[in-house]
Amino acid sequence: MERGPNNGAREAEGIVLTPEQAKSRRARNIAIGVAVALFVALFYFVTIVKLGGNVVPRSL
């Protein structure tokens, strides 16, 4: 599988981002991370509320 005339030479891989693009990507990743964490916390608290007193064993 040939890639071009410089088949043996190592080519630069990936995309080089400008500082503005890197900053934007980082901010977007942080926002997605916060949204996922809030979603997980919401499911956790809804589960605890729905279970209510059924979490504690009654055979004490």
PDB file of N, CA and C in Angstrom:
ATOM      1  N   MET A   1       0.847  -1.179   0.000  1.00  0.00           N
ATOM      2  CA  MET A   1       0.000   0.000   0.000  1.00  0.00           C
ATOM      3  C   MET A   1       0.889   1.238   0.000  1.00  0.00           C
ATOM      4  N   GLU A   2       0.945   1.919  -1.116  1.00  0.00           N
ATOM      5  CA  GLU A   2       1.819   3.075  -1.245  1.00  0.00           C
ATOM      6  C   GLU A   2       1.054   4.357  -0.957  1.00  0.00           C
ATOM      7  N   ARG A   3       1.742   5.285  -0.307  1.00  0.00           N
ATOM      8  CA  ARG A   3       1.103   6.554   0.043  1.00  0.00           C
ATOM      9  C   ARG A   3       1.544   7.668  -0.901  1.00  0.00           C
ATOM     10  N   GLY A   4       2.621   7.501  -1.606  1.00  0.00           N
ATOM     11  CA  GLY A   4       3.075   8.544  -2.506  1.00  0.00           C
ATOM     12  C   GLY A   4       4.522   8.326  -2.882  1.00  0.00           C
ATOM     13  N   PRO A   5       5.139   9.326  -3.499  1.00  0.00           N
ATOM     14  CA  PRO A   5       6.511   9.166  -3.960  1.00  0.00           C
ATOM     15  C   PRO A   5       7.512   9.013  -2.812  1.00  0.00           C
ATOM     16  N   ASN A   6       7.246   9.584  -1.653  1.00  0.00           N
ATOM     17  CA  ASN A   6       8.155   9.471  -0.516  1.00  0.00           C
ATOM     18  C   ASN A   6       7.698   8.355   0.409  1.00  0.00           C
ATOM     19  N   ASN A   7       7.464   7.208  -0.169  1.00  0.00           N
ATOM     20  CA  ASN A   7       6.930   6.062   0.551  1.00  0.00           C
ATOM     21  C   ASN A   7       7.771   5.713   1.770  1.00  0.00           C
ATOM     22  N   GLY A   8       9.093   5.740   1.661  1.00  0.00           N
ATOM     23  CA  GLY A   8       9.965   5.345   2.761  1.00  0.00           C
ATOM     24  C   GLY A   8      10.128   6.422   3.815  1.00  0.00           C
ATOM     25  N   ALA A   9       9.910   7.667   3.482  1.00  0.00           N
ATOM     26  CA  ALA A   9      10.111   8.762   4.436  1.00  0.00           C
ATOM     27  C   ALA A   9       8.948   8.822   5.416  1.00  0.00           C
ATOM     28  N   ARG A  10       9.278   9.153   6.659  1.00  0.00           N
ATOM     29  CA  ARG A  10       8.232   9.263   7.686  1.00  0.00           C
ATOM     30  C   ARG A  10       7.537  10.606   7.528  1.00  0.00           C
ATOM     31  N   GLU A  11       6.222  10.545   7.391  1.00  0.00           N
ATOM     32  CA  GLU A  11       5.429  11.763   7.225  1.00  0.00           C
ATOM     33  C   GLU A  11       4.907  12.223   8.574  1.00  0.00           C
ATOM     34  N   ALA A  12       4.666  13.522   8.676  1.00  0.00           N
ATOM     35  CA  ALA A  12       4.071  14.061   9.903  1.00  0.00           C
ATOM     36  C   ALA A  12       2.651  13.537  10.009  1.00  0.00           C
ATOM     37  N   GLU A  13       2.305  13.052  11.195  1.00  0.00           N
ATOM     38  CA  GLU A  13       0.982  12.480  11.390  1.00  0.00           C
ATOM     39  C   GLU A  13       0.130  13.411  12.231  1.00  0.00           C
ATOM     40  N   GLY A  14      -1.160  13.406  11.969  1.00  0.00           N
ATOM     41  CA  GLY A  14      -2.087  14.197  12.766  1.00  0.00           C
ATOM     42  C   GLY A  14      -2.264  15.610  12.244  1.00  0.00           C
ATOM     43  N   ILE A  15      -3.095  16.332  12.955  1.00  0.00           N
ATOM     44  CA  ILE A  15      -3.404  17.705  12.585  1.00  0.00           C
ATOM     45  C   ILE A  15      -2.828  18.627  13.641  1.00  0.00           C
ATOM     46  N   VAL A  16      -2.160  19.662  13.211  1.00  0.00           N
ATOM     47  CA  VAL A  16      -1.602  20.638  14.133  1.00  0.00           C
ATOM     48  C   VAL A  16      -2.632  21.745  14.326  1.00  0.00           C
ATOM     49  N   LEU A  17      -3.042  21.958  15.567  1.00  0.00           N
ATOM     50  CA  LEU A  17      -4.050  22.962  15.870  1.00  0.00           C
ATOM     51  C   LEU A  17      -3.398  24.293  16.208  1.00  0.00           C
ATOM     52  N   THR A  18      -4.101  25.355  15.870  1.00  0.00           N
ATOM     53  CA  THR A  18      -3.645  26.675  16.287  1.00  0.00           C
ATOM     54  C   THR A  18      -3.929  26.811  17.776  1.00  0.00           C
ATOM     55  N   PRO A  19      -3.287  27.756  18.456  1.00  0.00           N
ATOM     56  CA  PRO A  19      -3.555  27.938  19.889  1.00  0.00           C
ATOM     57  C   PRO A  19      -5.033  28.221  20.184  1.00  0.00           C
ATOM     58  N   GLU A  20      -5.698  28.961  19.297  1.00  0.00           N
ATOM     59  CA  GLU A  20      -7.123  29.254  19.497  1.00  0.00           C
ATOM     60  C   GLU A  20      -7.957  27.986  19.398  1.00  0.00           C
ATOM     61  N   GLN A  21      -7.628  27.125  18.432  1.00  0.00           N
ATOM     62  CA  GLN A  21      -8.357  25.873  18.277  1.00  0.00           C
ATOM     63  C   GLN A  21      -8.120  24.938  19.456  1.00  0.00           C
ATOM     64  N   ALA A  22      -6.877  24.898  19.939  1.00  0.00           N
ATOM     65  CA  ALA A  22      -6.562  24.054  21.096  1.00  0.00           C
ATOM     66  C   ALA A  22      -7.305  24.541  22.330  1.00  0.00           C
ATOM     67  N   LYS A  23      -7.372  25.847  22.512  1.00  0.00           N
ATOM     68  CA  LYS A  23      -8.086  26.414  23.658  1.00  0.00           C
ATOM     69  C   LYS A  23      -9.573  26.112  23.552  1.00  0.00           C
ATOM     70  N   SER A  24     -10.121  26.230  22.359  1.00  0.00           N
ATOM     71  CA  SER A  24     -11.539  25.937  22.137  1.00  0.00           C
ATOM     72  C   SER A  24     -11.830  24.464  22.390  1.00  0.00           C
ATOM     73  N   ARG A  25     -10.953  23.587  21.929  1.00  0.00           N
ATOM     74  CA  ARG A  25     -11.139  22.145  22.139  1.00  0.00           C
ATOM     75  C   ARG A  25     -11.101  21.811  23.623  1.00  0.00           C
ATOM     76  N   ARG A  26     -10.163  22.414  24.347  1.00  0.00           N
ATOM     77  CA  ARG A  26     -10.064  22.155  25.790  1.00  0.00           C
ATOM     78  C   ARG A  26     -11.318  22.621  26.513  1.00  0.00           C
ATOM     79  N   ALA A  27     -11.816  23.803  26.168  1.00  0.00           N
ATOM     80  CA  ALA A  27     -13.034  24.325  26.808  1.00  0.00           C
ATOM     81  C   ALA A  27     -14.227  23.420  26.503  1.00  0.00           C
ATOM     82  N   ARG A  28     -14.322  22.954  25.272  1.00  0.00           N
ATOM     83  CA  ARG A  28     -15.419  22.058  24.885  1.00  0.00           C
ATOM     84  C   ARG A  28     -15.320  20.729  25.632  1.00  0.00           C
ATOM     85  N   ASN A  29     -14.112  20.187  25.763  1.00  0.00           N
ATOM     86  CA  ASN A  29     -13.923  18.935  26.489  1.00  0.00           C
ATOM     87  C   ASN A  29     -14.281  19.082  27.961  1.00  0.00           C
ATOM     88  N   ILE A  30     -13.924  20.210  28.557  1.00  0.00           N
ATOM     89  CA  ILE A  30     -14.274  20.453  29.956  1.00  0.00           C
ATOM     90  C   ILE A  30     -15.782  20.555  30.104  1.00  0.00           C
ATOM     91  N   ALA A  31     -16.440  21.245  29.182  1.00  0.00           N
ATOM     92  CA  ALA A  31     -17.898  21.386  29.243  1.00  0.00           C
ATOM     93  C   ALA A  31     -18.576  20.024  29.102  1.00  0.00           C
ATOM     94  N   ILE A  32     -18.090  19.188  28.217  1.00  0.00           N
ATOM     95  CA  ILE A  32     -18.663  17.851  28.045  1.00  0.00           C
ATOM     96  C   ILE A  32     -18.438  17.021  29.311  1.00  0.00           C
ATOM     97  N   GLY A  33     -17.257  17.111  29.888  1.00  0.00           N
ATOM     98  CA  GLY A  33     -16.959  16.383  31.118  1.00  0.00           C
ATOM     99  C   GLY A  33     -17.869  16.797  32.264  1.00  0.00           C
ATOM    100  N   VAL A  34     -18.096  18.100  32.412  1.00  0.00           N
ATOM    101  CA  VAL A  34     -18.982  18.600  33.466  1.00  0.00           C
ATOM    102  C   VAL A  34     -20.410  18.123  33.218  1.00  0.00           C
ATOM    103  N   ALA A  35     -20.856  18.159  31.967  1.00  0.00           N
ATOM    104  CA  ALA A  35     -22.215  17.719  31.637  1.00  0.00           C
ATOM    105  C   ALA A  35     -22.390  16.224  31.949  1.00  0.00           C
ATOM    106  N   VAL A  36     -21.401  15.408  31.615  1.00  0.00           N
ATOM    107  CA  VAL A  36     -21.493  13.970  31.896  1.00  0.00           C
ATOM    108  C   VAL A  36     -21.505  13.734  33.402  1.00  0.00           C
ATOM    109  N   ALA A  37     -20.658  14.450  34.148  1.00  0.00           N
ATOM    110  CA  ALA A  37     -20.621  14.292  35.604  1.00  0.00           C
ATOM    111  C   ALA A  37     -21.960  14.676  36.227  1.00  0.00           C
ATOM    112  N   LEU A  38     -22.567  15.761  35.751  1.00  0.00           N
ATOM    113  CA  LEU A  38     -23.874  16.173  36.272  1.00  0.00           C
ATOM    114  C   LEU A  38     -24.948  15.143  35.932  1.00  0.00           C
ATOM    115  N   PHE A  39     -24.878  14.571  34.751  1.00  0.00           N
ATOM    116  CA  PHE A  39     -25.841  13.552  34.334  1.00  0.00           C
ATOM    117  C   PHE A  39     -25.732  12.320  35.229  1.00  0.00           C
ATOM    118  N   VAL A  40     -24.503  11.894  35.520  1.00  0.00           N
ATOM    119  CA  VAL A  40     -24.273  10.744  36.399  1.00  0.00           C
ATOM    120  C   VAL A  40     -24.786  11.054  37.805  1.00  0.00           C
ATOM    121  N   ALA A  41     -24.494  12.253  38.310  1.00  0.00           N
ATOM    122  CA  ALA A  41     -24.962  12.641  39.641  1.00  0.00           C
ATOM    123  C   ALA A  41     -26.486  12.666  39.688  1.00  0.00           C
ATOM    124  N   LEU A  42     -27.119  13.144  38.630  1.00  0.00           N
ATOM    125  CA  LEU A  42     -28.579  13.175  38.571  1.00  0.00           C
ATOM    126  C   LEU A  42     -29.139  11.760  38.676  1.00  0.00           C
ATOM    127  N   PHE A  43     -28.590  10.819  37.909  1.00  0.00           N
ATOM    128  CA  PHE A  43     -29.049   9.435  37.979  1.00  0.00           C
ATOM    129  C   PHE A  43     -28.836   8.858  39.372  1.00  0.00           C
ATOM    130  N   TYR A  44     -27.713   9.163  39.982  1.00  0.00           N
ATOM    131  CA  TYR A  44     -27.414   8.656  41.319  1.00  0.00           C
ATOM    132  C   TYR A  44     -28.458   9.150  42.322  1.00  0.00           C
ATOM    133  N   PHE A  45     -28.709  10.452  42.334  1.00  0.00           N
ATOM    134  CA  PHE A  45     -29.645  11.010  43.307  1.00  0.00           C
ATOM    135  C   PHE A  45     -31.085  10.580  43.040  1.00  0.00           C
ATOM    136  N   VAL A  46     -31.464  10.461  41.794  1.00  0.00           N
ATOM    137  CA  VAL A  46     -32.814   9.981  41.477  1.00  0.00           C
ATOM    138  C   VAL A  46     -32.973   8.539  41.958  1.00  0.00           C
ATOM    139  N   THR A  47     -31.941   7.729  41.779  1.00  0.00           N
ATOM    140  CA  THR A  47     -31.993   6.344  42.242  1.00  0.00           C
ATOM    141  C   THR A  47     -32.129   6.291  43.758  1.00  0.00           C
ATOM    142  N   ILE A  48     -31.362   7.099  44.478  1.00  0.00           N
ATOM    143  CA  ILE A  48     -31.434   7.121  45.938  1.00  0.00           C
ATOM    144  C   ILE A  48     -32.822   7.562  46.391  1.00  0.00           C
ATOM    145  N   VAL A  49     -33.391   8.566  45.761  1.00  0.00           N
ATOM    146  CA  VAL A  49     -34.716   9.058  46.138  1.00  0.00           C
ATOM    147  C   VAL A  49     -35.774   7.993  45.866  1.00  0.00           C
ATOM    148  N   LYS A  50     -35.681   7.313  44.722  1.00  0.00           N
ATOM    149  CA  LYS A  50     -36.684   6.303  44.390  1.00  0.00           C
ATOM    150  C   LYS A  50     -36.599   5.098  45.328  1.00  0.00           C
ATOM    151  N   LEU A  51     -35.392   4.710  45.721  1.00  0.00           N
ATOM    152  CA  LEU A  51     -35.257   3.585  46.633  1.00  0.00           C
ATOM    153  C   LEU A  51     -35.725   3.970  48.039  1.00  0.00           C
ATOM    154  N   GLY A  52     -35.456   5.197  48.441  1.00  0.00           N
ATOM    155  CA  GLY A  52     -35.914   5.699  49.731  1.00  0.00           C
ATOM    156  C   GLY A  52     -35.484   4.828  50.880  1.00  0.00           C
ATOM    157  N   GLY A  53     -36.420   4.425  51.715  1.00  0.00           N
ATOM    158  CA  GLY A  53     -36.134   3.633  52.879  1.00  0.00           C
ATOM    159  C   GLY A  53     -35.857   2.182  52.584  1.00  0.00           C
ATOM    160  N   ASN A  54     -36.016   1.749  51.376  1.00  0.00           N
ATOM    161  CA  ASN A  54     -35.800   0.342  51.027  1.00  0.00           C
ATOM    162  C   ASN A  54     -34.325  -0.026  51.005  1.00  0.00           C
ATOM    163  N   VAL A  55     -33.451   0.943  51.144  1.00  0.00           N
ATOM    164  CA  VAL A  55     -32.015   0.661  51.118  1.00  0.00           C
ATOM    165  C   VAL A  55     -31.587   0.014  52.426  1.00  0.00           C
ATOM    166  N   VAL A  56     -32.161   0.439  53.538  1.00  0.00           N
ATOM    167  CA  VAL A  56     -31.805  -0.070  54.860  1.00  0.00           C
ATOM    168  C   VAL A  56     -32.517  -1.403  55.087  1.00  0.00           C
ATOM    169  N   PRO A  57     -31.759  -2.432  55.483  1.00  0.00           N
ATOM    170  CA  PRO A  57     -32.414  -3.711  55.754  1.00  0.00           C
ATOM    171  C   PRO A  57     -33.374  -3.606  56.950  1.00  0.00           C
ATOM    172  N   ARG A  58     -34.504  -4.294  56.876  1.00  0.00           N
ATOM    173  CA  ARG A  58     -35.528  -4.191  57.925  1.00  0.00           C
ATOM    174  C   ARG A  58     -35.359  -5.252  59.008  1.00  0.00           C
ATOM    175  N   SER A  59     -34.337  -6.091  58.909  1.00  0.00           N
ATOM    176  CA  SER A  59     -34.183  -7.178  59.865  1.00  0.00           C
ATOM    177  C   SER A  59     -33.266  -6.804  61.022  1.00  0.00           C
ATOM    178  N   LEU A  60     -33.238  -5.560  61.418  1.00  0.00           N
ATOM    179  CA  LEU A  60     -32.360  -5.146  62.522  1.00  0.00           C
ATOM    180  C   LEU A  60     -32.978  -5.400  63.856  1.00  0.00           C
TER     181      LEU A  60
END
